[in-house]
N, C-alpha and C. Protein backbone atom coordinates (compact mmCIF):
# COMPACT_ATOMS: atom_id res chain seq x y z
N MET A 1 45.00 -30.03 19.10
CA MET A 1 45.87 -30.55 18.06
C MET A 1 46.68 -29.21 17.89
N LEU A 2 47.88 -29.34 18.11
CA LEU A 2 48.94 -28.13 17.66
C LEU A 2 49.35 -27.87 16.67
N ARG A 3 48.96 -26.61 16.29
CA ARG A 3 49.24 -26.13 14.56
C ARG A 3 50.33 -25.59 14.61
N THR A 4 51.37 -25.62 13.76
CA THR A 4 52.53 -24.58 13.71
C THR A 4 52.80 -24.30 12.13
N ARG A 5 52.39 -22.74 11.98
CA ARG A 5 52.52 -22.56 10.56
C ARG A 5 54.09 -22.68 9.85
N VAL A 6 54.20 -22.64 8.78
CA VAL A 6 55.83 -23.06 8.52
C VAL A 6 55.76 -22.06 7.08
N SER A 7 57.00 -21.40 6.75
CA SER A 7 56.58 -20.83 5.02
C SER A 7 56.91 -21.92 4.20
N GLU A 8 56.49 -21.66 3.22
CA GLU A 8 56.82 -22.24 2.19
C GLU A 8 58.58 -22.51 1.59
N LYS A 9 59.05 -21.34 1.91
CA LYS A 9 60.38 -21.47 1.88
C LYS A 9 61.22 -22.27 2.90
N VAL A 10 60.62 -22.58 3.90
CA VAL A 10 61.29 -23.45 5.04
C VAL A 10 61.15 -24.96 4.38
N ILE A 11 59.57 -25.61 3.78
CA ILE A 11 59.58 -26.34 3.69
C ILE A 11 60.44 -26.40 2.48
N ARG A 12 60.75 -25.97 1.33
CA ARG A 12 61.97 -26.35 0.24
C ARG A 12 63.04 -26.65 0.70
N ARG A 13 63.47 -25.82 1.57
CA ARG A 13 64.93 -26.34 2.33
C ARG A 13 64.95 -27.59 2.86
N ILE A 14 63.91 -28.05 4.21
CA ILE A 14 63.76 -29.09 4.28
C ILE A 14 63.74 -30.25 3.19
N MET A 15 62.96 -30.03 2.44
CA MET A 15 62.86 -31.01 1.24
C MET A 15 64.05 -31.11 0.68
N ALA A 16 65.10 -30.09 0.27
CA ALA A 16 66.19 -29.88 -0.38
C ALA A 16 67.03 -30.96 0.57
N GLU A 17 67.08 -30.60 1.89
CA GLU A 17 68.26 -31.55 2.26
C GLU A 17 67.95 -32.70 2.90
N ASP A 18 66.74 -33.20 2.76
CA ASP A 18 66.62 -34.81 2.20
C ASP A 18 66.21 -35.54 1.41
N GLY A 19 66.71 -34.67 -0.03
CA GLY A 19 65.98 -34.79 -1.47
C GLY A 19 65.03 -35.37 -1.97
N LEU A 20 64.04 -34.56 -1.27
CA LEU A 20 62.89 -34.76 -1.37
C LEU A 20 62.54 -33.90 -2.66
N VAL A 21 61.77 -34.25 -3.40
CA VAL A 21 60.99 -33.32 -4.48
C VAL A 21 59.30 -33.66 -4.88
N ALA A 22 58.61 -32.65 -4.80
CA ALA A 22 57.39 -32.63 -4.89
C ALA A 22 56.58 -33.20 -5.96
N HIS A 23 55.65 -33.88 -6.17
CA HIS A 23 54.99 -34.38 -7.47
C HIS A 23 54.28 -33.07 -7.84
N VAL A 24 54.32 -33.03 -8.87
CA VAL A 24 53.60 -31.59 -9.58
C VAL A 24 52.75 -32.88 -10.99
N PRO A 25 51.37 -32.92 -10.51
CA PRO A 25 50.83 -34.04 -11.72
C PRO A 25 50.79 -32.78 -13.24
N ARG A 26 51.27 -33.92 -14.62
CA ARG A 26 51.49 -32.75 -15.58
C ARG A 26 50.42 -32.52 -16.19
N ARG A 27 49.87 -31.53 -16.72
CA ARG A 27 48.87 -31.21 -17.40
C ARG A 27 48.43 -31.95 -18.25
N ARG A 28 47.23 -32.28 -18.53
CA ARG A 28 46.70 -33.59 -19.60
C ARG A 28 46.39 -32.76 -20.82
N ARG A 29 47.04 -32.61 -22.07
CA ARG A 29 46.51 -32.40 -23.39
C ARG A 29 45.33 -33.28 -24.09
N TYR A 30 45.38 -32.20 -25.14
CA TYR A 30 43.62 -32.88 -25.72
C TYR A 30 44.00 -34.33 -26.44
N SER A 31 43.61 -35.09 -26.40
CA SER A 31 43.92 -36.46 -27.06
C SER A 31 42.52 -36.82 -27.63
N SER A 32 42.63 -36.73 -28.95
CA SER A 32 41.59 -37.25 -29.93
C SER A 32 41.21 -39.15 -29.89
N TYR A 33 41.78 -39.41 -28.94
CA TYR A 33 41.95 -40.85 -29.15
C TYR A 33 41.40 -41.31 -27.75
N GLU A 34 41.14 -40.48 -26.67
CA GLU A 34 40.58 -40.94 -25.68
C GLU A 34 39.34 -41.62 -26.01
N ASP A 35 38.96 -42.26 -25.31
CA ASP A 35 37.58 -42.76 -25.15
C ASP A 35 37.05 -43.37 -26.23
N GLU A 36 38.07 -43.87 -27.21
CA GLU A 36 37.71 -44.75 -28.15
C GLU A 36 36.45 -45.53 -27.99
N THR A 37 35.32 -45.91 -29.38
CA THR A 37 34.07 -46.77 -28.75
C THR A 37 33.80 -47.91 -29.56
N THR A 38 34.16 -47.40 -30.99
CA THR A 38 34.26 -48.66 -31.86
C THR A 38 35.31 -49.18 -32.40
N PRO A 39 35.99 -50.24 -33.37
CA PRO A 39 36.87 -50.36 -33.72
C PRO A 39 36.99 -49.59 -34.98
N ALA A 40 38.16 -48.91 -35.71
CA ALA A 40 38.21 -48.33 -36.56
C ALA A 40 38.16 -49.18 -38.13
N PRO A 41 37.65 -48.63 -38.92
CA PRO A 41 37.47 -49.09 -40.48
C PRO A 41 38.94 -48.87 -41.34
N GLY A 42 39.14 -49.47 -42.55
CA GLY A 42 40.53 -49.52 -43.01
C GLY A 42 40.68 -48.12 -43.54
N ASN A 43 41.87 -48.01 -44.02
CA ASN A 43 42.28 -46.41 -44.32
C ASN A 43 42.16 -46.94 -46.22
N LEU A 44 40.78 -46.21 -46.59
CA LEU A 44 40.56 -46.44 -48.02
C LEU A 44 41.13 -45.35 -48.85
N VAL A 45 41.90 -44.32 -48.36
CA VAL A 45 42.37 -43.47 -49.46
C VAL A 45 43.61 -43.77 -49.57
N ASN A 46 44.53 -44.61 -48.70
CA ASN A 46 46.01 -44.61 -48.86
C ASN A 46 46.68 -43.76 -49.13
N ARG A 47 46.51 -42.60 -49.10
CA ARG A 47 47.17 -41.07 -48.93
C ARG A 47 46.83 -40.60 -50.31
N ASP A 48 45.89 -41.13 -51.06
CA ASP A 48 45.75 -40.53 -52.49
C ASP A 48 44.73 -39.34 -52.36
N PHE A 49 44.82 -38.29 -52.06
CA PHE A 49 44.25 -37.07 -52.01
C PHE A 49 43.66 -36.17 -53.14
N THR A 50 43.25 -36.87 -54.04
CA THR A 50 43.15 -36.61 -55.36
C THR A 50 41.30 -37.24 -55.43
N ALA A 51 40.84 -36.27 -56.03
CA ALA A 51 39.44 -36.89 -56.74
C ALA A 51 39.05 -36.13 -58.41
N GLU A 52 38.47 -37.13 -58.90
CA GLU A 52 37.86 -36.69 -60.33
C GLU A 52 37.02 -35.61 -60.30
N ALA A 53 36.16 -35.96 -59.74
CA ALA A 53 35.33 -34.76 -59.46
C ALA A 53 34.81 -34.17 -57.92
N PRO A 54 34.05 -33.51 -57.51
CA PRO A 54 33.79 -32.85 -56.04
C PRO A 54 32.92 -33.74 -55.51
N ASN A 55 33.06 -33.79 -54.03
CA ASN A 55 32.16 -34.68 -53.15
C ASN A 55 32.25 -36.17 -53.86
N GLU A 56 33.47 -36.41 -54.09
CA GLU A 56 33.61 -38.11 -54.15
C GLU A 56 34.60 -38.46 -52.90
N LYS A 57 35.26 -37.21 -52.21
CA LYS A 57 36.46 -37.83 -51.26
C LYS A 57 36.68 -36.43 -50.55
N TRP A 58 36.22 -36.48 -49.41
CA TRP A 58 36.38 -35.39 -48.03
C TRP A 58 37.20 -36.11 -46.69
N LEU A 59 37.93 -35.04 -46.88
CA LEU A 59 39.05 -35.72 -45.73
C LEU A 59 39.06 -34.59 -44.32
N THR A 60 38.78 -35.02 -43.16
CA THR A 60 38.47 -33.93 -42.08
C THR A 60 39.37 -34.46 -40.98
N ASP A 61 39.35 -33.36 -39.93
CA ASP A 61 40.14 -33.77 -38.79
C ASP A 61 39.81 -32.13 -37.70
N ILE A 62 40.56 -32.39 -36.58
CA ILE A 62 40.12 -31.16 -35.76
C ILE A 62 41.22 -30.65 -35.14
N THR A 63 41.49 -29.26 -35.19
CA THR A 63 42.83 -28.67 -35.30
C THR A 63 42.28 -27.50 -33.98
N GLU A 64 43.42 -27.08 -33.12
CA GLU A 64 43.64 -26.28 -31.96
C GLU A 64 43.98 -25.24 -32.45
N ILE A 65 43.12 -23.76 -31.97
CA ILE A 65 43.98 -22.59 -31.79
C ILE A 65 43.68 -21.52 -30.53
N LYS A 66 44.84 -21.45 -30.32
CA LYS A 66 45.20 -20.89 -28.92
C LYS A 66 44.39 -19.38 -29.00
N ALA A 67 43.62 -18.84 -28.18
CA ALA A 67 43.29 -17.34 -27.85
C ALA A 67 43.60 -16.86 -26.67
N ARG A 68 43.22 -15.93 -26.62
CA ARG A 68 43.79 -15.06 -25.01
C ARG A 68 43.00 -15.63 -24.12
N ASP A 69 41.81 -16.17 -24.19
CA ASP A 69 41.12 -16.42 -23.20
C ASP A 69 40.52 -18.02 -23.26
N GLY A 70 41.63 -19.10 -23.88
CA GLY A 70 41.49 -20.44 -24.01
C GLY A 70 41.65 -20.66 -25.60
N LYS A 71 41.32 -21.65 -25.97
CA LYS A 71 41.17 -22.52 -27.03
C LYS A 71 40.33 -22.35 -27.95
N VAL A 72 40.28 -22.32 -29.00
CA VAL A 72 39.31 -22.84 -30.35
C VAL A 72 39.51 -24.14 -31.18
N TYR A 73 38.56 -24.48 -31.35
CA TYR A 73 38.47 -26.08 -31.90
C TYR A 73 38.08 -26.11 -33.65
N LEU A 74 38.72 -26.35 -34.28
CA LEU A 74 38.23 -26.16 -35.73
C LEU A 74 37.98 -27.48 -36.30
N SER A 75 36.69 -27.70 -37.19
CA SER A 75 36.84 -29.17 -37.52
C SER A 75 35.79 -28.73 -39.23
N PRO A 76 37.01 -28.75 -39.78
CA PRO A 76 36.08 -28.65 -41.37
C PRO A 76 36.29 -29.92 -42.33
N PRO A 77 35.48 -30.28 -43.44
CA PRO A 77 35.99 -31.18 -44.11
C PRO A 77 36.56 -30.71 -45.67
N VAL A 78 37.53 -31.17 -46.00
CA VAL A 78 38.45 -30.66 -47.08
C VAL A 78 38.39 -31.56 -47.96
N ASP A 79 37.05 -30.86 -49.67
CA ASP A 79 37.02 -31.78 -50.78
C ASP A 79 38.04 -32.06 -51.26
N CYS A 80 38.69 -33.20 -51.59
CA CYS A 80 39.95 -33.78 -52.40
C CYS A 80 40.14 -33.56 -53.84
N HIS A 81 38.92 -32.96 -54.31
CA HIS A 81 38.97 -32.55 -55.92
C HIS A 81 39.58 -31.46 -56.07
N ASP A 82 39.71 -30.02 -55.37
CA ASP A 82 39.70 -28.79 -55.46
C ASP A 82 40.90 -28.14 -54.34
N GLY A 83 40.38 -29.11 -53.36
CA GLY A 83 40.81 -28.54 -51.39
C GLY A 83 39.74 -27.03 -51.09
N ARG A 84 38.53 -27.18 -51.87
CA ARG A 84 37.53 -26.32 -50.92
C ARG A 84 37.26 -26.77 -49.68
N ILE A 85 37.08 -26.13 -48.64
CA ILE A 85 36.13 -26.27 -47.58
C ILE A 85 35.01 -26.35 -47.53
N VAL A 86 34.17 -27.33 -47.53
CA VAL A 86 32.78 -27.73 -47.91
C VAL A 86 31.92 -27.12 -46.53
N ALA A 87 32.55 -27.00 -45.62
CA ALA A 87 31.71 -26.42 -43.95
C ALA A 87 32.85 -26.63 -43.33
N TYR A 88 32.01 -25.94 -42.49
CA TYR A 88 33.00 -25.74 -41.02
C TYR A 88 32.13 -25.95 -39.36
N THR A 89 32.64 -26.28 -38.53
CA THR A 89 31.92 -25.77 -37.12
C THR A 89 33.29 -25.28 -36.34
N ALA A 90 33.14 -24.21 -35.92
CA ALA A 90 34.12 -24.48 -34.33
C ALA A 90 33.59 -23.99 -33.11
N GLY A 91 34.15 -24.09 -32.14
CA GLY A 91 34.01 -23.97 -30.74
C GLY A 91 34.92 -24.44 -29.92
N PHE A 92 34.56 -24.27 -28.55
CA PHE A 92 35.52 -24.37 -27.60
C PHE A 92 36.03 -25.55 -26.84
N SER A 93 35.35 -26.82 -27.51
CA SER A 93 35.67 -27.61 -26.79
C SER A 93 35.52 -28.79 -27.93
N PRO A 94 36.60 -29.82 -28.19
CA PRO A 94 36.98 -30.52 -29.10
C PRO A 94 35.93 -32.38 -29.22
N ASN A 95 34.66 -31.78 -28.74
CA ASN A 95 33.73 -33.27 -28.58
C ASN A 95 33.42 -33.68 -29.82
N ALA A 96 32.80 -34.49 -29.22
CA ALA A 96 32.32 -35.47 -30.66
C ALA A 96 31.12 -34.65 -31.71
N GLY A 97 30.19 -33.87 -30.71
CA GLY A 97 28.95 -33.05 -31.02
C GLY A 97 29.78 -32.04 -32.45
N LEU A 98 30.92 -31.54 -31.92
CA LEU A 98 31.49 -30.69 -32.71
C LEU A 98 31.92 -31.44 -34.24
N ALA A 99 32.15 -32.45 -34.33
CA ALA A 99 32.50 -33.33 -35.43
C ALA A 99 31.14 -33.55 -36.54
N GLY A 100 30.54 -34.06 -35.51
CA GLY A 100 28.59 -34.36 -35.94
C GLY A 100 28.12 -32.88 -36.62
N ARG A 101 27.97 -32.15 -35.78
CA ARG A 101 27.59 -30.63 -36.44
C ARG A 101 28.11 -30.47 -37.59
N MET A 102 29.33 -30.64 -37.83
CA MET A 102 30.13 -30.19 -39.24
C MET A 102 29.81 -31.33 -40.25
N LEU A 103 29.51 -32.50 -39.85
CA LEU A 103 29.02 -33.69 -41.36
C LEU A 103 27.79 -33.33 -41.57
N VAL A 104 26.87 -32.68 -40.44
CA VAL A 104 25.31 -32.23 -40.86
C VAL A 104 25.74 -31.05 -41.79
N LYS A 105 26.32 -30.35 -41.57
CA LYS A 105 26.62 -29.07 -42.28
C LYS A 105 26.75 -29.29 -43.75
N ALA A 106 27.75 -30.16 -43.84
CA ALA A 106 28.87 -30.78 -45.16
C ALA A 106 27.25 -31.65 -45.90
N VAL A 107 27.04 -31.97 -45.40
CA VAL A 107 25.86 -33.55 -46.35
C VAL A 107 25.30 -31.80 -46.41
N GLU A 108 24.40 -31.13 -46.31
CA GLU A 108 23.43 -29.95 -46.50
C GLU A 108 23.93 -29.58 -47.69
N THR A 109 25.35 -29.40 -47.89
CA THR A 109 25.65 -29.05 -49.19
C THR A 109 25.75 -29.75 -50.46
N LEU A 110 25.43 -31.27 -50.22
CA LEU A 110 25.69 -32.23 -51.74
C LEU A 110 24.30 -31.99 -52.40
N PRO A 111 24.71 -32.34 -53.49
CA PRO A 111 23.63 -32.54 -54.83
C PRO A 111 22.77 -33.90 -54.50
N GLU A 112 22.13 -33.76 -54.85
CA GLU A 112 21.09 -35.02 -54.83
C GLU A 112 21.84 -36.58 -55.36
N GLY A 113 22.14 -37.25 -54.99
CA GLY A 113 22.72 -38.44 -55.37
C GLY A 113 24.39 -38.45 -54.75
N ALA A 114 25.24 -37.59 -54.31
CA ALA A 114 26.14 -37.39 -53.47
C ALA A 114 26.43 -38.44 -52.54
N HIS A 115 27.35 -39.20 -52.48
CA HIS A 115 27.90 -39.94 -51.40
C HIS A 115 29.15 -39.91 -50.87
N PRO A 116 29.73 -38.45 -50.38
CA PRO A 116 31.26 -38.73 -50.67
C PRO A 116 31.57 -39.87 -49.63
N LEU A 117 33.23 -40.30 -49.54
CA LEU A 117 34.06 -40.89 -48.84
C LEU A 117 34.44 -40.06 -47.83
N VAL A 118 34.53 -40.25 -46.39
CA VAL A 118 34.52 -39.51 -45.36
C VAL A 118 35.98 -39.65 -45.01
N HIS A 119 37.09 -39.42 -44.87
CA HIS A 119 38.43 -39.84 -44.42
C HIS A 119 38.83 -38.84 -43.02
N SER A 120 39.46 -39.65 -41.81
CA SER A 120 39.71 -38.89 -40.99
C SER A 120 40.61 -39.71 -40.30
N ASP A 121 41.21 -39.18 -38.73
CA ASP A 121 42.07 -39.71 -38.27
C ASP A 121 41.11 -40.90 -37.25
N CYS A 122 42.06 -41.44 -36.31
CA CYS A 122 40.65 -42.60 -36.01
C CYS A 122 40.79 -42.18 -34.33
N GLY A 123 40.59 -40.95 -34.00
CA GLY A 123 39.99 -40.27 -32.90
C GLY A 123 38.66 -40.92 -32.56
N CYS A 124 38.31 -40.58 -31.31
CA CYS A 124 36.82 -40.82 -30.66
C CYS A 124 35.88 -40.26 -31.29
N HIS A 125 36.11 -38.98 -31.60
CA HIS A 125 35.11 -38.22 -32.46
C HIS A 125 34.43 -38.68 -33.40
N CYS A 126 35.23 -39.31 -34.43
CA CYS A 126 34.64 -40.44 -35.44
C CYS A 126 34.44 -42.16 -35.16
N ARG A 127 34.27 -41.92 -34.28
CA ARG A 127 34.15 -43.66 -33.72
C ARG A 127 33.36 -43.68 -32.46
N TRP A 128 32.31 -42.95 -32.03
CA TRP A 128 31.51 -42.85 -31.26
C TRP A 128 30.32 -43.19 -32.42
N SER A 129 29.09 -43.43 -31.71
CA SER A 129 27.68 -44.12 -32.19
C SER A 129 26.94 -43.02 -32.81
N GLY A 130 26.79 -42.11 -32.54
CA GLY A 130 26.51 -40.82 -33.18
C GLY A 130 27.08 -40.86 -34.56
N TRP A 131 28.50 -40.36 -34.64
CA TRP A 131 28.78 -40.28 -35.78
C TRP A 131 28.33 -41.75 -37.11
N LEU A 132 28.66 -42.48 -36.31
CA LEU A 132 28.00 -43.56 -36.93
C LEU A 132 26.88 -44.02 -37.73
N GLU A 133 25.83 -43.27 -36.95
CA GLU A 133 24.66 -42.99 -37.26
C GLU A 133 24.26 -42.04 -38.34
N LEU A 134 25.03 -40.57 -37.88
CA LEU A 134 25.23 -39.97 -39.31
C LEU A 134 25.79 -40.74 -40.35
N MET A 135 26.76 -41.39 -40.39
CA MET A 135 27.51 -41.71 -41.89
C MET A 135 26.65 -42.93 -42.56
N GLU A 136 25.85 -44.01 -41.75
CA GLU A 136 24.57 -45.05 -42.12
C GLU A 136 23.55 -43.59 -42.90
N ARG A 137 23.01 -42.95 -42.13
CA ARG A 137 21.88 -42.24 -42.61
C ARG A 137 22.01 -41.26 -44.04
N TYR A 138 23.31 -40.88 -43.81
CA TYR A 138 23.53 -40.11 -45.46
C TYR A 138 24.13 -41.19 -46.87
N GLY A 139 24.58 -42.11 -46.13
CA GLY A 139 25.23 -43.09 -47.08
C GLY A 139 26.57 -42.88 -47.39
N LEU A 140 27.10 -42.68 -46.11
CA LEU A 140 28.80 -42.25 -46.76
C LEU A 140 29.42 -43.51 -46.40
N THR A 141 30.84 -43.11 -46.87
CA THR A 141 31.42 -44.33 -46.30
C THR A 141 32.49 -43.94 -45.12
N ARG A 142 33.02 -44.47 -44.62
CA ARG A 142 34.05 -44.28 -43.68
C ARG A 142 35.54 -44.82 -43.94
N SER A 143 36.41 -43.61 -43.81
CA SER A 143 37.68 -44.39 -43.97
C SER A 143 38.63 -43.67 -42.64
N MET A 144 39.83 -44.14 -42.38
CA MET A 144 40.35 -43.85 -40.78
C MET A 144 41.94 -44.00 -41.34
N SER A 145 42.75 -42.98 -40.78
CA SER A 145 44.23 -43.46 -41.06
C SER A 145 44.72 -44.07 -39.92
N ALA A 146 45.79 -44.30 -39.93
CA ALA A 146 46.70 -45.38 -38.75
C ALA A 146 46.78 -44.64 -37.58
N LYS A 147 46.83 -44.78 -36.75
CA LYS A 147 46.59 -43.90 -35.28
C LYS A 147 47.89 -43.40 -35.36
N GLY A 148 48.01 -42.20 -34.97
CA GLY A 148 49.09 -41.31 -34.56
C GLY A 148 50.10 -41.15 -35.85
N CYS A 149 49.39 -41.32 -36.75
CA CYS A 149 50.12 -41.13 -38.79
C CYS A 149 49.45 -39.89 -39.24
N SER A 150 49.90 -38.85 -39.24
CA SER A 150 49.69 -37.64 -39.72
C SER A 150 49.69 -37.66 -41.00
N PRO A 151 50.82 -38.46 -41.89
CA PRO A 151 50.79 -38.57 -43.27
C PRO A 151 49.55 -38.74 -43.90
N ASP A 152 48.51 -39.81 -43.32
CA ASP A 152 47.50 -40.46 -43.78
C ASP A 152 46.30 -39.33 -43.85
N ASN A 153 46.62 -38.01 -43.17
CA ASN A 153 45.53 -37.48 -43.62
C ASN A 153 46.52 -35.89 -43.86
N ALA A 154 47.14 -36.02 -44.79
CA ALA A 154 48.16 -34.94 -45.00
C ALA A 154 47.65 -33.73 -45.83
N ALA A 155 46.79 -33.92 -46.48
CA ALA A 155 46.09 -32.91 -47.38
C ALA A 155 45.22 -31.87 -46.15
N VAL A 156 44.71 -32.88 -44.99
CA VAL A 156 43.94 -31.55 -44.39
C VAL A 156 44.86 -31.13 -43.38
N GLU A 157 46.11 -31.76 -43.11
CA GLU A 157 46.66 -31.10 -42.47
C GLU A 157 47.41 -30.00 -42.55
N GLY A 158 47.56 -30.26 -43.60
CA GLY A 158 48.36 -28.85 -45.00
C GLY A 158 47.17 -27.72 -44.88
N PHE A 159 45.81 -28.06 -44.83
CA PHE A 159 45.26 -26.91 -44.71
C PHE A 159 45.26 -26.16 -43.42
N PHE A 160 45.16 -26.81 -42.56
CA PHE A 160 45.39 -26.59 -41.00
C PHE A 160 47.00 -25.47 -40.70
N GLY A 161 48.25 -26.15 -41.47
CA GLY A 161 49.08 -25.86 -41.47
C GLY A 161 49.48 -23.88 -42.45
N ARG A 162 48.52 -23.73 -43.39
CA ARG A 162 48.48 -22.79 -44.36
C ARG A 162 47.87 -21.76 -43.73
N MET A 163 46.67 -22.37 -43.09
CA MET A 163 45.79 -20.98 -41.79
C MET A 163 46.83 -20.72 -41.14
N LYS A 164 47.35 -21.31 -40.40
CA LYS A 164 48.30 -21.09 -39.39
C LYS A 164 49.26 -20.22 -39.76
N THR A 165 50.13 -20.45 -40.93
CA THR A 165 51.10 -19.92 -41.35
C THR A 165 50.37 -18.35 -41.96
N GLU A 166 49.65 -18.65 -42.67
CA GLU A 166 48.80 -17.25 -43.42
C GLU A 166 48.32 -15.88 -42.70
N SER A 167 47.92 -16.42 -41.15
CA SER A 167 46.63 -15.61 -40.50
C SER A 167 46.90 -15.63 -38.98
N VAL A 168 46.95 -17.07 -38.33
CA VAL A 168 47.06 -17.61 -37.21
C VAL A 168 48.55 -16.84 -36.18
N TYR A 169 49.08 -17.16 -36.99
CA TYR A 169 50.16 -16.57 -36.06
C TYR A 169 50.99 -15.62 -36.76
N PRO A 170 50.83 -14.83 -38.02
CA PRO A 170 51.49 -13.52 -38.40
C PRO A 170 50.50 -12.41 -37.56
N GLU A 171 49.18 -12.66 -37.48
CA GLU A 171 48.09 -11.93 -37.31
C GLU A 171 47.79 -11.70 -35.68
N HIS A 172 48.88 -12.84 -34.79
CA HIS A 172 48.59 -12.79 -33.85
C HIS A 172 46.94 -13.49 -33.11
N TRP A 173 46.56 -14.57 -33.40
CA TRP A 173 45.28 -14.42 -32.79
C TRP A 173 45.32 -14.90 -31.44
N GLU A 174 46.31 -15.58 -30.78
CA GLU A 174 46.20 -15.77 -29.48
C GLU A 174 46.05 -14.51 -28.73
N GLU A 175 46.36 -13.30 -29.28
CA GLU A 175 46.12 -12.00 -28.53
C GLU A 175 44.42 -11.65 -28.79
N ARG A 176 43.92 -12.48 -29.15
CA ARG A 176 41.96 -12.23 -29.73
C ARG A 176 41.43 -13.20 -28.32
N THR A 177 39.93 -12.72 -28.26
CA THR A 177 39.14 -13.73 -27.43
C THR A 177 38.77 -14.69 -28.28
N ARG A 178 38.31 -15.80 -27.67
CA ARG A 178 37.69 -16.75 -28.47
C ARG A 178 36.61 -16.03 -29.28
N ASP A 179 36.00 -15.22 -29.26
CA ASP A 179 34.68 -15.05 -29.50
C ASP A 179 35.35 -14.52 -31.21
N GLU A 180 36.54 -13.38 -30.68
CA GLU A 180 37.34 -12.76 -32.07
C GLU A 180 37.56 -13.77 -32.90
N VAL A 181 38.54 -15.08 -32.67
CA VAL A 181 39.04 -16.00 -33.20
C VAL A 181 37.61 -16.74 -34.12
N LEU A 182 36.68 -16.89 -33.70
CA LEU A 182 35.79 -17.55 -34.52
C LEU A 182 35.29 -16.52 -35.73
N VAL A 183 35.06 -15.29 -35.65
CA VAL A 183 34.99 -14.91 -36.51
C VAL A 183 36.15 -14.48 -37.38
N LEU A 184 37.31 -14.25 -36.91
CA LEU A 184 38.17 -14.42 -37.78
C LEU A 184 38.60 -16.02 -38.59
N ILE A 185 38.23 -17.10 -38.06
CA ILE A 185 37.88 -17.90 -38.78
C ILE A 185 36.99 -18.35 -40.04
N ASP A 186 36.04 -17.55 -39.59
CA ASP A 186 35.01 -17.32 -40.34
C ASP A 186 35.43 -16.66 -42.07
N ASP A 187 36.18 -15.38 -41.80
CA ASP A 187 36.68 -14.85 -42.67
C ASP A 187 38.03 -15.35 -43.24
N TYR A 188 38.67 -15.99 -42.68
CA TYR A 188 39.56 -16.87 -43.53
C TYR A 188 38.96 -17.58 -44.38
N ILE A 189 38.47 -18.67 -44.19
CA ILE A 189 37.86 -19.87 -44.92
C ILE A 189 37.03 -19.19 -46.12
N ARG A 190 36.23 -18.13 -45.84
CA ARG A 190 35.45 -17.33 -46.88
C ARG A 190 36.26 -17.07 -47.82
N TRP A 191 37.67 -16.37 -47.52
CA TRP A 191 39.29 -15.99 -48.77
C TRP A 191 39.33 -17.19 -48.93
N TYR A 192 39.70 -18.05 -48.24
CA TYR A 192 40.66 -19.29 -48.87
C TYR A 192 39.64 -19.94 -50.10
N ASN A 193 38.55 -19.88 -49.39
CA ASN A 193 37.32 -20.71 -50.66
C ASN A 193 37.19 -19.61 -52.02
N HIS A 194 37.09 -18.73 -51.76
CA HIS A 194 36.80 -17.49 -53.11
C HIS A 194 38.15 -16.97 -53.43
N GLU A 195 39.22 -16.35 -52.58
CA GLU A 195 39.92 -15.56 -53.02
C GLU A 195 41.34 -16.46 -53.37
N ARG A 196 41.84 -17.06 -52.81
CA ARG A 196 42.94 -17.59 -52.38
C ARG A 196 43.46 -18.51 -53.49
N LEU A 197 44.52 -17.92 -54.42
CA LEU A 197 44.92 -18.94 -55.61
C LEU A 197 45.62 -19.59 -55.33
N LYS A 198 45.63 -20.91 -56.15
CA LYS A 198 46.00 -22.44 -55.81
C LYS A 198 46.92 -22.75 -57.30
N GLN A 199 48.33 -22.69 -57.46
CA GLN A 199 49.25 -23.16 -58.33
C GLN A 199 48.43 -24.37 -58.98
N SER A 200 47.59 -25.16 -58.57
CA SER A 200 47.21 -26.52 -58.87
C SER A 200 46.05 -26.60 -59.60
N LEU A 201 45.27 -25.45 -59.66
CA LEU A 201 44.09 -24.90 -60.00
C LEU A 201 44.14 -23.98 -61.28
N GLY A 202 45.67 -23.71 -61.54
CA GLY A 202 45.42 -22.95 -62.71
C GLY A 202 45.73 -21.46 -62.51
N TRP A 203 45.76 -21.10 -60.82
CA TRP A 203 46.29 -19.95 -60.18
C TRP A 203 44.38 -19.46 -60.26
N MET A 204 43.61 -20.31 -59.78
CA MET A 204 42.08 -19.64 -59.19
C MET A 204 42.00 -20.13 -58.10
N SER A 205 40.93 -19.58 -57.50
CA SER A 205 40.69 -20.17 -56.25
C SER A 205 39.56 -21.26 -56.00
N PRO A 206 39.37 -22.23 -54.97
CA PRO A 206 38.30 -23.42 -55.87
C PRO A 206 37.11 -22.92 -55.99
N VAL A 207 36.49 -21.45 -55.47
CA VAL A 207 35.27 -21.23 -56.15
C VAL A 207 35.44 -20.88 -57.70
N GLN A 208 36.64 -20.04 -58.09
CA GLN A 208 36.82 -19.53 -59.11
C GLN A 208 36.86 -21.22 -60.11
N TYR A 209 37.77 -21.93 -59.65
CA TYR A 209 37.66 -23.20 -60.42
C TYR A 209 36.55 -23.95 -60.77
N ARG A 210 35.52 -24.07 -59.87
CA ARG A 210 34.36 -24.71 -60.41
C ARG A 210 33.43 -23.78 -61.47
N GLN A 211 33.67 -22.60 -60.77
CA GLN A 211 33.01 -21.90 -61.96
C GLN A 211 33.14 -21.86 -63.37
N SER A 212 34.54 -21.80 -63.66
CA SER A 212 35.22 -22.09 -64.87
C SER A 212 34.72 -23.08 -65.32
N GLN A 213 35.02 -24.48 -64.52
CA GLN A 213 34.39 -25.98 -65.21
C GLN A 213 32.93 -25.95 -65.18
N GLY A 214 32.43 -24.87 -65.00
CA GLY A 214 30.42 -24.81 -65.11
C GLY A 214 30.20 -25.88 -64.18
N MET A 215 30.58 -25.70 -62.63
CA MET A 215 30.48 -26.48 -61.69
C MET A 215 29.89 -25.58 -60.75
N ALA A 216 28.79 -26.17 -59.96
CA ALA A 216 28.13 -25.40 -58.94
C ALA A 216 29.10 -25.18 -57.55
N ALA A 217 29.50 -24.01 -57.24
CA ALA A 217 30.44 -23.76 -56.30
C ALA A 217 29.94 -23.38 -54.78
């Protein structure tokens, strides 16, 4: 078989003359809705992001943070009582395991007898069998936002926005490696819980506020 080498420039000219356009597949973005496995429960929170006491109502989601060598994904639960970050996991893949490990870490902080309502988006990481098993094992109540409706989980989205506005963007985390970003996340959450003052808490941090109320921080 006779083969003739033709430059890319020539191919482009011939295609242009014949009105041809090369098909370039679009890169698929991460979607938490892929591979949904079980029906979504109702939205029990109904955009009421308040709670009378700690560990009554948690909000959770996953956000992505760009790094020099890829992306880092963060999964925390936010306590509606005072905005405290109960626990978190961070890693290089937004999979169900990331969310499951977060839930186990968060439950380990609970006092005896506490069984929070856990509100999330309706992504697959909160609808797989492992998540349902954890929720049942720890006696937690499920609640979910409507699909694609970020206001239904606005409080946790607000935390992500503040973190990115206060640290991720101004400190140029995208220039750091993923391992460095993991350390920066830990530093930020520790500062957020212990030192960042909130007007709604009388200009105290979540930890300071709990201590002022005689509650365990």
